[in-house]
Amino acid sequence: MSITLNPYLNFRGEAREAIAFYASVLGGEPRVTTFAEGGMAEHLPDDDGSLVMHGELSTPLGLTLMCSDAPSTMPVEVGNNVTVSLSGDDADTLAAYWDGLSAGGNVTMPFEVAPWGDRFGMFTDRFGVEWMVNSVPPAA
């Protein structure tokens, strides 16, 4: 089992270009999923389905960088557009991290099964730091 802690960058329509740029510098091959591909387009304005819901870059040296385009319904403030992401396959530990870190904070998306099958949630902790937690279901 493993858990990864990494930065998650938010953009306004530039996530695909940004992750390609970071890959050209850091190495690795970016993986990108749009909101439409992730099953979330029905919850967004029509033009937002083609935006990047999740972009991930894993480099040969073990660095992980993630990004997304904020839908038009969500605010993005350049310079303040970084979230901390916890992800992995250790469901019990991730659930405990969720419970502890979100205590006293503001949950913006409950930690529950998302359309792509993982357990996912977002919150702002009591210090104002934004977090995302993604727990991959155990392999069958």
N, C-alpha and C. Protein backbone atom coordinates (compact mmCIF):
# COMPACT_ATOMS: atom_id res chain seq x y z
N MET A 1 0.84 -1.18 0.00
CA MET A 1 0.00 0.00 0.00
C MET A 1 0.88 1.24 0.00
N SER A 2 0.33 2.30 -0.61
CA SER A 2 1.11 3.53 -0.67
C SER A 2 0.20 4.75 -0.66
N ILE A 3 0.79 5.87 -0.25
CA ILE A 3 0.11 7.16 -0.25
C ILE A 3 1.10 8.19 -0.77
N THR A 4 0.61 9.10 -1.61
CA THR A 4 1.44 10.15 -2.17
C THR A 4 0.91 11.51 -1.72
N LEU A 5 1.83 12.39 -1.32
CA LEU A 5 1.50 13.77 -0.98
C LEU A 5 2.16 14.64 -2.04
N ASN A 6 1.36 15.47 -2.72
CA ASN A 6 1.92 16.28 -3.79
C ASN A 6 1.11 17.55 -4.01
N PRO A 7 1.71 18.53 -4.71
CA PRO A 7 0.97 19.74 -5.05
C PRO A 7 -0.04 19.44 -6.16
N TYR A 8 -1.14 20.18 -6.12
CA TYR A 8 -2.19 20.08 -7.14
C TYR A 8 -2.48 21.50 -7.59
N LEU A 9 -2.13 21.81 -8.84
CA LEU A 9 -2.24 23.15 -9.38
C LEU A 9 -3.56 23.33 -10.11
N ASN A 10 -4.19 24.47 -9.91
CA ASN A 10 -5.47 24.77 -10.56
C ASN A 10 -5.29 25.89 -11.56
N PHE A 11 -5.91 25.73 -12.72
CA PHE A 11 -5.79 26.69 -13.80
C PHE A 11 -7.17 27.06 -14.33
N ARG A 12 -7.20 28.06 -15.18
CA ARG A 12 -8.43 28.46 -15.86
C ARG A 12 -8.23 28.22 -17.35
N GLY A 13 -8.40 26.96 -17.78
CA GLY A 13 -8.29 26.62 -19.19
C GLY A 13 -6.87 26.40 -19.70
N GLU A 14 -5.88 26.38 -18.81
CA GLU A 14 -4.49 26.22 -19.24
C GLU A 14 -3.83 24.95 -18.70
N ALA A 15 -4.57 24.07 -18.07
CA ALA A 15 -3.97 22.91 -17.42
C ALA A 15 -3.25 22.00 -18.41
N ARG A 16 -3.85 21.76 -19.56
CA ARG A 16 -3.22 20.86 -20.55
C ARG A 16 -1.89 21.45 -21.01
N GLU A 17 -1.87 22.72 -21.31
CA GLU A 17 -0.64 23.39 -21.74
C GLU A 17 0.40 23.40 -20.62
N ALA A 18 -0.06 23.66 -19.39
CA ALA A 18 0.87 23.74 -18.25
C ALA A 18 1.52 22.39 -17.97
N ILE A 19 0.73 21.31 -17.95
CA ILE A 19 1.32 20.01 -17.62
C ILE A 19 2.26 19.54 -18.72
N ALA A 20 1.96 19.89 -19.98
CA ALA A 20 2.88 19.57 -21.07
C ALA A 20 4.20 20.32 -20.90
N PHE A 21 4.11 21.58 -20.47
CA PHE A 21 5.32 22.36 -20.21
C PHE A 21 6.14 21.74 -19.08
N TYR A 22 5.47 21.41 -17.96
CA TYR A 22 6.20 20.82 -16.83
C TYR A 22 6.85 19.49 -17.24
N ALA A 23 6.18 18.70 -18.07
CA ALA A 23 6.75 17.44 -18.54
C ALA A 23 7.98 17.70 -19.41
N SER A 24 7.95 18.77 -20.21
CA SER A 24 9.09 19.06 -21.07
C SER A 24 10.32 19.43 -20.26
N VAL A 25 10.11 19.94 -19.05
CA VAL A 25 11.22 20.33 -18.18
C VAL A 25 11.61 19.20 -17.23
N LEU A 26 10.61 18.59 -16.59
CA LEU A 26 10.85 17.61 -15.54
C LEU A 26 10.95 16.17 -16.04
N GLY A 27 10.47 15.91 -17.25
CA GLY A 27 10.44 14.55 -17.78
C GLY A 27 9.11 13.90 -17.47
N GLY A 28 8.93 12.72 -18.01
CA GLY A 28 7.69 11.98 -17.81
C GLY A 28 6.67 12.29 -18.87
N GLU A 29 5.60 11.52 -18.85
CA GLU A 29 4.53 11.66 -19.83
C GLU A 29 3.24 12.01 -19.09
N PRO A 30 2.67 13.20 -19.34
CA PRO A 30 1.45 13.58 -18.63
C PRO A 30 0.25 12.72 -19.03
N ARG A 31 -0.61 12.47 -18.07
CA ARG A 31 -1.89 11.79 -18.31
C ARG A 31 -2.99 12.80 -18.00
N VAL A 32 -3.94 12.93 -18.90
CA VAL A 32 -4.98 13.94 -18.76
C VAL A 32 -6.35 13.30 -18.95
N THR A 33 -7.30 13.67 -18.08
CA THR A 33 -8.69 13.25 -18.19
C THR A 33 -9.55 14.51 -18.17
N THR A 34 -10.48 14.63 -19.11
CA THR A 34 -11.37 15.78 -19.14
C THR A 34 -12.56 15.53 -18.20
N PHE A 35 -13.32 16.58 -17.92
CA PHE A 35 -14.52 16.43 -17.10
C PHE A 35 -15.51 15.49 -17.80
N ALA A 36 -15.61 15.56 -19.12
CA ALA A 36 -16.51 14.67 -19.85
C ALA A 36 -16.06 13.22 -19.70
N GLU A 37 -14.77 12.95 -19.86
CA GLU A 37 -14.25 11.59 -19.73
C GLU A 37 -14.40 11.06 -18.31
N GLY A 38 -14.35 11.95 -17.31
CA GLY A 38 -14.47 11.55 -15.91
C GLY A 38 -15.89 11.45 -15.40
N GLY A 39 -16.87 11.67 -16.28
CA GLY A 39 -18.27 11.54 -15.88
C GLY A 39 -18.82 12.73 -15.11
N MET A 40 -18.15 13.87 -15.19
CA MET A 40 -18.57 15.04 -14.42
C MET A 40 -19.19 16.14 -15.28
N ALA A 41 -19.20 16.00 -16.59
CA ALA A 41 -19.67 17.07 -17.48
C ALA A 41 -21.12 17.44 -17.22
N GLU A 42 -21.93 16.48 -16.83
CA GLU A 42 -23.36 16.76 -16.61
C GLU A 42 -23.59 17.74 -15.46
N HIS A 43 -22.60 17.93 -14.61
CA HIS A 43 -22.71 18.83 -13.47
C HIS A 43 -22.17 20.22 -13.77
N LEU A 44 -21.72 20.44 -15.01
CA LEU A 44 -21.03 21.68 -15.36
C LEU A 44 -21.68 22.36 -16.56
N PRO A 45 -21.41 23.66 -16.75
CA PRO A 45 -21.86 24.32 -17.98
C PRO A 45 -21.31 23.60 -19.21
N ASP A 46 -22.02 23.68 -20.32
CA ASP A 46 -21.69 22.94 -21.55
C ASP A 46 -20.25 23.05 -21.99
N ASP A 47 -19.68 24.23 -21.97
CA ASP A 47 -18.33 24.43 -22.49
C ASP A 47 -17.23 23.85 -21.59
N ASP A 48 -17.57 23.44 -20.38
CA ASP A 48 -16.56 22.99 -19.42
C ASP A 48 -16.21 21.50 -19.54
N GLY A 49 -16.97 20.72 -20.28
CA GLY A 49 -16.71 19.28 -20.38
C GLY A 49 -15.36 18.94 -20.96
N SER A 50 -14.83 19.80 -21.82
CA SER A 50 -13.53 19.52 -22.45
C SER A 50 -12.34 19.99 -21.61
N LEU A 51 -12.62 20.67 -20.50
CA LEU A 51 -11.53 21.11 -19.63
C LEU A 51 -10.90 19.93 -18.91
N VAL A 52 -9.67 20.11 -18.43
CA VAL A 52 -8.95 19.06 -17.72
C VAL A 52 -9.52 18.91 -16.31
N MET A 53 -10.11 17.75 -16.03
CA MET A 53 -10.57 17.43 -14.69
C MET A 53 -9.40 17.00 -13.82
N HIS A 54 -8.50 16.22 -14.44
CA HIS A 54 -7.33 15.73 -13.70
C HIS A 54 -6.18 15.50 -14.67
N GLY A 55 -5.06 16.14 -14.37
CA GLY A 55 -3.83 15.91 -15.10
C GLY A 55 -2.78 15.45 -14.10
N GLU A 56 -2.00 14.47 -14.50
CA GLU A 56 -0.99 13.93 -13.59
C GLU A 56 0.31 13.69 -14.34
N LEU A 57 1.40 14.11 -13.71
CA LEU A 57 2.73 13.91 -14.26
C LEU A 57 3.56 13.20 -13.20
N SER A 58 4.05 12.01 -13.53
CA SER A 58 5.00 11.29 -12.68
C SER A 58 6.31 11.27 -13.43
N THR A 59 7.35 11.79 -12.79
CA THR A 59 8.64 11.91 -13.48
C THR A 59 9.53 10.70 -13.21
N PRO A 60 10.56 10.51 -14.03
CA PRO A 60 11.50 9.40 -13.82
C PRO A 60 12.20 9.45 -12.45
N LEU A 61 12.31 10.65 -11.85
CA LEU A 61 12.96 10.77 -10.55
C LEU A 61 11.99 10.64 -9.38
N GLY A 62 10.72 10.33 -9.68
CA GLY A 62 9.76 10.10 -8.61
C GLY A 62 8.95 11.31 -8.19
N LEU A 63 9.04 12.42 -8.91
CA LEU A 63 8.21 13.58 -8.59
C LEU A 63 6.81 13.37 -9.12
N THR A 64 5.82 13.86 -8.41
CA THR A 64 4.44 13.80 -8.88
C THR A 64 3.85 15.20 -8.83
N LEU A 65 3.25 15.61 -9.92
CA LEU A 65 2.59 16.90 -10.02
C LEU A 65 1.22 16.66 -10.63
N MET A 66 0.19 17.25 -10.03
CA MET A 66 -1.16 17.09 -10.55
C MET A 66 -1.73 18.47 -10.84
N CYS A 67 -2.74 18.50 -11.74
CA CYS A 67 -3.36 19.78 -12.07
C CYS A 67 -4.76 19.57 -12.61
N SER A 68 -5.50 20.66 -12.67
CA SER A 68 -6.82 20.65 -13.29
C SER A 68 -7.19 22.06 -13.72
N ASP A 69 -8.21 22.13 -14.58
CA ASP A 69 -8.83 23.40 -14.92
C ASP A 69 -10.02 23.57 -13.99
N ALA A 70 -10.11 24.69 -13.33
CA ALA A 70 -11.29 24.97 -12.53
C ALA A 70 -12.44 25.25 -13.49
N PRO A 71 -13.60 24.61 -13.28
CA PRO A 71 -14.76 24.93 -14.11
C PRO A 71 -15.11 26.41 -13.96
N SER A 72 -15.87 26.91 -14.90
CA SER A 72 -16.23 28.34 -14.88
C SER A 72 -17.03 28.71 -13.63
N THR A 73 -17.61 27.72 -12.96
CA THR A 73 -18.40 27.98 -11.75
C THR A 73 -17.55 28.06 -10.49
N MET A 74 -16.26 27.78 -10.60
CA MET A 74 -15.36 27.79 -9.44
C MET A 74 -14.34 28.92 -9.57
N PRO A 75 -14.02 29.58 -8.46
CA PRO A 75 -13.03 30.65 -8.54
C PRO A 75 -11.59 30.11 -8.61
N VAL A 76 -10.74 30.84 -9.31
CA VAL A 76 -9.31 30.56 -9.35
C VAL A 76 -8.60 31.89 -9.22
N GLU A 77 -7.67 31.96 -8.29
CA GLU A 77 -6.89 33.18 -8.10
C GLU A 77 -5.43 32.83 -8.31
N VAL A 78 -4.86 33.31 -9.41
CA VAL A 78 -3.47 33.02 -9.72
C VAL A 78 -2.59 33.45 -8.56
N GLY A 79 -1.67 32.57 -8.18
CA GLY A 79 -0.80 32.82 -7.03
C GLY A 79 -1.35 32.16 -5.78
N ASN A 80 -2.62 31.82 -5.81
CA ASN A 80 -3.27 31.16 -4.69
C ASN A 80 -3.99 29.91 -5.19
N ASN A 81 -3.44 29.32 -6.26
CA ASN A 81 -4.12 28.23 -6.95
C ASN A 81 -3.44 26.88 -6.76
N VAL A 82 -2.96 26.63 -5.53
CA VAL A 82 -2.31 25.36 -5.22
C VAL A 82 -3.07 24.66 -4.10
N THR A 83 -3.32 23.39 -4.28
CA THR A 83 -3.98 22.56 -3.30
C THR A 83 -3.02 21.42 -2.95
N VAL A 84 -3.14 20.85 -1.75
CA VAL A 84 -2.33 19.69 -1.38
C VAL A 84 -3.19 18.46 -1.63
N SER A 85 -2.62 17.46 -2.28
CA SER A 85 -3.34 16.24 -2.62
C SER A 85 -2.73 15.05 -1.89
N LEU A 86 -3.60 14.26 -1.28
CA LEU A 86 -3.22 12.96 -0.72
C LEU A 86 -3.92 11.90 -1.54
N SER A 87 -3.18 10.95 -2.08
CA SER A 87 -3.81 9.91 -2.89
C SER A 87 -3.06 8.60 -2.72
N GLY A 88 -3.79 7.52 -2.94
CA GLY A 88 -3.17 6.21 -2.84
C GLY A 88 -4.17 5.11 -2.65
N ASP A 89 -3.67 3.95 -2.23
CA ASP A 89 -4.53 2.77 -2.09
C ASP A 89 -4.66 2.28 -0.66
N ASP A 90 -4.18 3.03 0.30
CA ASP A 90 -4.33 2.67 1.71
C ASP A 90 -5.58 3.36 2.26
N ALA A 91 -6.73 2.75 2.01
CA ALA A 91 -8.03 3.37 2.29
C ALA A 91 -8.20 3.76 3.76
N ASP A 92 -7.80 2.90 4.68
CA ASP A 92 -7.99 3.19 6.11
C ASP A 92 -7.16 4.40 6.55
N THR A 93 -5.92 4.46 6.10
CA THR A 93 -5.06 5.58 6.47
C THR A 93 -5.56 6.87 5.85
N LEU A 94 -5.96 6.83 4.58
CA LEU A 94 -6.48 8.02 3.93
C LEU A 94 -7.76 8.51 4.60
N ALA A 95 -8.63 7.60 5.00
CA ALA A 95 -9.86 7.98 5.71
C ALA A 95 -9.52 8.64 7.05
N ALA A 96 -8.52 8.11 7.74
CA ALA A 96 -8.11 8.71 9.02
C ALA A 96 -7.50 10.09 8.79
N TYR A 97 -6.70 10.24 7.74
CA TYR A 97 -6.15 11.56 7.40
C TYR A 97 -7.28 12.54 7.11
N TRP A 98 -8.27 12.09 6.32
CA TRP A 98 -9.42 12.93 6.01
C TRP A 98 -10.10 13.40 7.30
N ASP A 99 -10.40 12.45 8.18
CA ASP A 99 -11.09 12.79 9.43
C ASP A 99 -10.30 13.80 10.26
N GLY A 100 -9.01 13.56 10.39
CA GLY A 100 -8.18 14.43 11.23
C GLY A 100 -7.95 15.80 10.62
N LEU A 101 -7.58 15.83 9.34
CA LEU A 101 -7.23 17.09 8.71
C LEU A 101 -8.44 17.98 8.45
N SER A 102 -9.61 17.39 8.21
CA SER A 102 -10.80 18.19 7.91
C SER A 102 -11.50 18.68 9.17
N ALA A 103 -11.15 18.12 10.34
CA ALA A 103 -11.78 18.52 11.61
C ALA A 103 -11.57 20.02 11.84
N GLY A 104 -12.66 20.73 12.07
CA GLY A 104 -12.57 22.16 12.31
C GLY A 104 -12.45 22.98 11.05
N GLY A 105 -12.46 22.33 9.90
CA GLY A 105 -12.34 23.02 8.62
C GLY A 105 -13.67 23.10 7.91
N ASN A 106 -13.61 23.31 6.60
CA ASN A 106 -14.81 23.44 5.78
C ASN A 106 -14.76 22.41 4.65
N VAL A 107 -15.65 21.42 4.70
CA VAL A 107 -15.72 20.40 3.66
C VAL A 107 -16.44 20.99 2.45
N THR A 108 -15.77 20.99 1.30
CA THR A 108 -16.38 21.51 0.08
C THR A 108 -16.93 20.41 -0.81
N MET A 109 -16.43 19.19 -0.66
CA MET A 109 -16.96 18.01 -1.35
C MET A 109 -16.75 16.83 -0.42
N PRO A 110 -17.83 16.17 0.02
CA PRO A 110 -17.70 15.05 0.97
C PRO A 110 -16.80 13.94 0.44
N PHE A 111 -16.19 13.23 1.35
CA PHE A 111 -15.30 12.10 1.01
C PHE A 111 -16.18 10.89 0.74
N GLU A 112 -16.52 10.69 -0.55
CA GLU A 112 -17.41 9.61 -0.94
C GLU A 112 -17.04 9.12 -2.33
N VAL A 113 -17.69 8.06 -2.77
CA VAL A 113 -17.37 7.48 -4.08
C VAL A 113 -17.74 8.47 -5.18
N ALA A 114 -16.76 8.75 -6.04
CA ALA A 114 -16.92 9.68 -7.15
C ALA A 114 -17.31 8.91 -8.42
N PRO A 115 -17.76 9.61 -9.47
CA PRO A 115 -18.15 8.93 -10.71
C PRO A 115 -17.05 8.05 -11.31
N TRP A 116 -15.77 8.36 -11.06
CA TRP A 116 -14.68 7.56 -11.63
C TRP A 116 -14.34 6.34 -10.77
N GLY A 117 -15.06 6.15 -9.65
CA GLY A 117 -14.92 4.93 -8.87
C GLY A 117 -14.07 5.03 -7.62
N ASP A 118 -13.25 6.06 -7.49
CA ASP A 118 -12.44 6.26 -6.30
C ASP A 118 -13.27 6.98 -5.24
N ARG A 119 -12.84 6.90 -4.01
CA ARG A 119 -13.42 7.70 -2.94
C ARG A 119 -12.65 9.02 -2.94
N PHE A 120 -13.37 10.14 -3.06
CA PHE A 120 -12.73 11.44 -3.26
C PHE A 120 -13.46 12.51 -2.46
N GLY A 121 -12.70 13.48 -1.95
CA GLY A 121 -13.31 14.62 -1.28
C GLY A 121 -12.35 15.79 -1.23
N MET A 122 -12.91 16.98 -0.94
CA MET A 122 -12.11 18.20 -0.85
C MET A 122 -12.54 18.98 0.38
N PHE A 123 -11.57 19.65 0.99
CA PHE A 123 -11.87 20.50 2.14
C PHE A 123 -10.80 21.56 2.29
N THR A 124 -11.14 22.58 3.07
CA THR A 124 -10.17 23.59 3.49
C THR A 124 -9.97 23.38 4.98
N ASP A 125 -8.73 23.18 5.40
CA ASP A 125 -8.49 22.89 6.82
C ASP A 125 -8.65 24.17 7.66
N ARG A 126 -8.53 24.02 8.94
CA ARG A 126 -8.77 25.15 9.85
C ARG A 126 -7.73 26.26 9.73
N PHE A 127 -6.67 26.00 8.97
CA PHE A 127 -5.64 27.01 8.73
C PHE A 127 -5.79 27.66 7.35
N GLY A 128 -6.80 27.26 6.60
CA GLY A 128 -7.04 27.83 5.28
C GLY A 128 -6.34 27.12 4.14
N VAL A 129 -5.73 25.95 4.40
CA VAL A 129 -5.06 25.18 3.36
C VAL A 129 -6.08 24.27 2.68
N GLU A 130 -6.10 24.29 1.36
CA GLU A 130 -7.02 23.45 0.61
C GLU A 130 -6.40 22.07 0.39
N TRP A 131 -7.24 21.02 0.57
CA TRP A 131 -6.80 19.64 0.45
C TRP A 131 -7.75 18.87 -0.46
N MET A 132 -7.23 17.84 -1.12
CA MET A 132 -8.01 16.85 -1.84
C MET A 132 -7.49 15.49 -1.39
N VAL A 133 -8.41 14.56 -1.18
CA VAL A 133 -8.05 13.20 -0.79
C VAL A 133 -8.70 12.26 -1.78
N ASN A 134 -7.91 11.33 -2.35
CA ASN A 134 -8.41 10.37 -3.32
C ASN A 134 -7.93 8.97 -2.92
N SER A 135 -8.87 8.09 -2.64
CA SER A 135 -8.57 6.73 -2.24
C SER A 135 -9.00 5.77 -3.35
N VAL A 136 -8.02 5.10 -3.93
CA VAL A 136 -8.28 4.13 -5.00
C VAL A 136 -8.83 2.85 -4.38
N PRO A 137 -9.90 2.27 -4.96
CA PRO A 137 -10.41 1.03 -4.39
C PRO A 137 -9.40 -0.11 -4.52
N PRO A 138 -9.47 -1.08 -3.62
CA PRO A 138 -8.53 -2.20 -3.68
C PRO A 138 -8.67 -2.96 -5.00
N ALA A 139 -7.56 -3.47 -5.50
CA ALA A 139 -7.57 -4.25 -6.73
C ALA A 139 -8.34 -5.54 -6.51
N ALA A 140 -9.14 -5.90 -7.50
CA ALA A 140 -9.96 -7.13 -7.38
C ALA A 140 -9.16 -8.37 -7.66
